[in-house]
Every structure is written in C-alpha cells, then in structure tokens.
Amino acid sequence: MADLLLEQRGTTPIQTVGQNWVTNFVKRHPLLSSRFSRRCNYERTKCEDPKIISEWFTLVQKTIAQYGIDNDDIYNFDETGFAMGLIATAKINTRAEYYGRRSLLQPGNRE
C-alpha cells in the first residue's frame, strides 16, 4: 500500500519504500506496536463467546447433578486429530493498547 501511495505522487523515478520502512513507521506512530501473533482456529474462535461457554458449563453442571455423576468419574479426551493448513506465527502491527500475542484465524480443516 505504501508503494502504491508513493507511485501515485508521480515522482520520477518511481520511489519505493525502504527495507526498514515498517519499523520506522511504527516508531513514528506511538499508537501502534509490533507483536508476535499466535494461530487460532476459526471454528474455535467462534466458540469463545462467554455466553456460549457459560451456557455449556451450566448444562454440564445440570447433567452432573441430574445423573449423580461423581467428580472422579469425569474425564477429558482430546480428539482433535491432525491439523491441515496451519498459519505460522508471524510478526504483526496492531494498536499499542493490546498486550500479549494477537490471534490469526485459520480454517478449521483437520484430517
């Protein structure tokens, strides 16, 4: 985008941004910050709604009470399988008020 804006200025020869342009741009704008992202599955992100999570835990508690399930009889199994098409960790620029790693969404394709 920055190269396109420079090209539209109509200078001869056409200028392009330098190798450290992004780093210098972030330094000039204190509201921006560089962070490392973490990958996050799109389907999983949709389920991070606190209302949905709360409803699920309420349902689990009711089921435990209804059937008299003992805590020692509760197990957790992870059956996620092999993830295809993973997004790699990347350095991104975001608003400075965000702390920690930002999420990049990836499709939920698993085999």
Protein backbone atom coordinates (compact mmCIF):
# COMPACT_ATOMS: atom_id res chain seq x y z
CA MET A 1 0.00 0.00 0.00
CA ALA A 2 2.81 2.42 0.85
CA ASP A 3 4.50 1.73 -2.51
CA LEU A 4 1.19 2.41 -4.28
CA LEU A 5 0.80 5.75 -2.49
CA LEU A 6 4.35 6.72 -3.44
CA GLU A 7 3.68 5.79 -7.07
CA GLN A 8 0.55 7.98 -7.12
CA ARG A 9 2.70 11.00 -6.18
CA GLY A 10 4.04 10.86 -9.73
CA THR A 11 7.73 11.30 -8.89
CA THR A 12 10.36 10.30 -11.48
CA PRO A 13 11.92 7.83 -11.00
CA ILE A 14 9.15 5.99 -9.11
CA GLN A 15 10.08 5.65 -5.46
CA THR A 16 9.50 2.59 -3.27
CA VAL A 17 9.62 2.23 0.49
CA GLY A 18 12.89 1.19 2.12
CA GLN A 19 13.75 -2.08 3.84
CA ASN A 20 13.07 -0.69 7.36
CA TRP A 21 10.01 1.37 6.40
CA VAL A 22 7.55 -0.59 8.57
CA THR A 23 9.81 -0.44 11.63
CA ASN A 24 10.29 3.31 11.22
CA PHE A 25 6.56 3.85 10.60
CA VAL A 26 5.67 2.06 13.85
CA LYS A 27 8.29 4.14 15.73
CA ARG A 28 6.73 7.36 14.38
CA HIS A 29 3.22 6.34 15.50
CA PRO A 30 3.08 5.62 19.25
CA LEU A 31 -0.46 4.21 18.97
CA LEU A 32 0.96 1.25 17.02
CA SER A 33 3.04 -1.63 18.31
CA SER A 34 4.64 -4.79 16.87
CA ARG A 35 3.65 -8.13 18.37
CA PHE A 36 4.04 -11.80 17.51
CA SER A 37 0.79 -13.49 16.60
CA ARG A 38 -0.46 -16.92 17.57
CA ARG A 39 -2.53 -19.11 15.31
CA CYS A 40 -6.14 -19.71 16.23
CA ASN A 41 -8.68 -21.96 14.53
CA TYR A 42 -11.65 -20.05 13.10
CA GLU A 43 -14.25 -22.54 14.39
CA ARG A 44 -12.66 -22.42 17.84
CA THR A 45 -12.71 -18.62 17.86
CA LYS A 46 -16.45 -18.58 17.18
CA CYS A 47 -16.92 -20.70 20.32
CA GLU A 48 -15.03 -18.28 22.59
CA ASP A 49 -18.18 -16.28 23.19
CA PRO A 50 -18.52 -16.04 27.02
CA LYS A 51 -22.32 -16.51 26.78
CA ILE A 52 -21.92 -19.81 24.88
CA ILE A 53 -19.21 -21.03 27.27
CA SER A 54 -21.33 -20.14 30.31
CA GLU A 55 -24.35 -21.94 28.87
CA TRP A 56 -22.24 -25.04 28.20
CA PHE A 57 -20.89 -25.16 31.77
CA THR A 58 -24.43 -24.69 33.12
CA LEU A 59 -25.59 -27.64 31.00
CA VAL A 60 -22.66 -29.77 32.26
CA GLN A 61 -23.45 -28.89 35.90
CA LYS A 62 -27.14 -29.77 35.42
CA THR A 63 -26.21 -33.09 33.79
CA ILE A 64 -23.81 -33.96 36.63
CA ALA A 65 -26.49 -33.15 39.22
CA GLN A 66 -29.27 -34.94 37.30
CA TYR A 67 -27.36 -38.21 36.96
CA GLY A 68 -25.40 -38.00 40.22
CA ILE A 69 -22.03 -38.17 38.46
CA ASP A 70 -19.05 -38.27 40.83
CA ASN A 71 -16.13 -35.91 40.08
CA ASP A 72 -13.79 -38.94 39.98
CA ASP A 73 -15.84 -40.27 37.05
CA ILE A 74 -15.28 -37.21 34.83
CA TYR A 75 -12.58 -37.46 32.14
CA ASN A 76 -11.33 -35.19 29.36
CA PHE A 77 -10.40 -36.58 25.93
CA ASP A 78 -8.86 -34.53 23.14
CA GLU A 79 -9.81 -35.94 19.73
CA THR A 80 -8.71 -33.04 17.54
CA GLY A 81 -6.65 -35.05 15.02
CA PHE A 82 -4.02 -33.70 12.67
CA ALA A 83 -4.34 -30.03 11.71
CA MET A 84 -4.01 -29.16 8.00
CA GLY A 85 -3.21 -25.71 6.64
CA LEU A 86 -1.74 -24.16 9.79
CA ILE A 87 -0.88 -20.49 9.84
CA ALA A 88 2.66 -19.87 11.05
CA THR A 89 3.47 -17.44 13.85
CA ALA A 90 4.10 -14.03 12.31
CA LYS A 91 5.05 -10.55 13.42
CA ILE A 92 2.11 -8.16 13.09
CA ASN A 93 1.48 -4.49 13.80
CA THR A 94 -1.51 -3.61 15.94
CA ARG A 95 -2.79 -0.98 18.35
CA ALA A 96 -0.38 -0.39 21.22
CA GLU A 97 -3.06 -0.98 23.89
CA TYR A 98 -3.13 -4.72 23.09
CA TYR A 99 -0.92 -6.82 25.32
CA GLY A 100 0.46 -10.26 24.52
CA ARG A 101 0.02 -12.15 21.31
CA ARG A 102 -2.74 -11.42 18.81
CA SER A 103 -4.61 -14.24 17.09
CA LEU A 104 -4.57 -15.08 13.40
CA LEU A 105 -7.56 -17.08 12.28
CA GLN A 106 -7.04 -20.20 10.22
CA PRO A 107 -9.60 -22.51 8.64
CA GLY A 108 -10.71 -25.48 10.72
CA ASN A 109 -9.59 -28.12 8.17
CA ARG A 110 -8.48 -31.24 10.05
CA GLU A 111 -7.95 -34.83 8.95
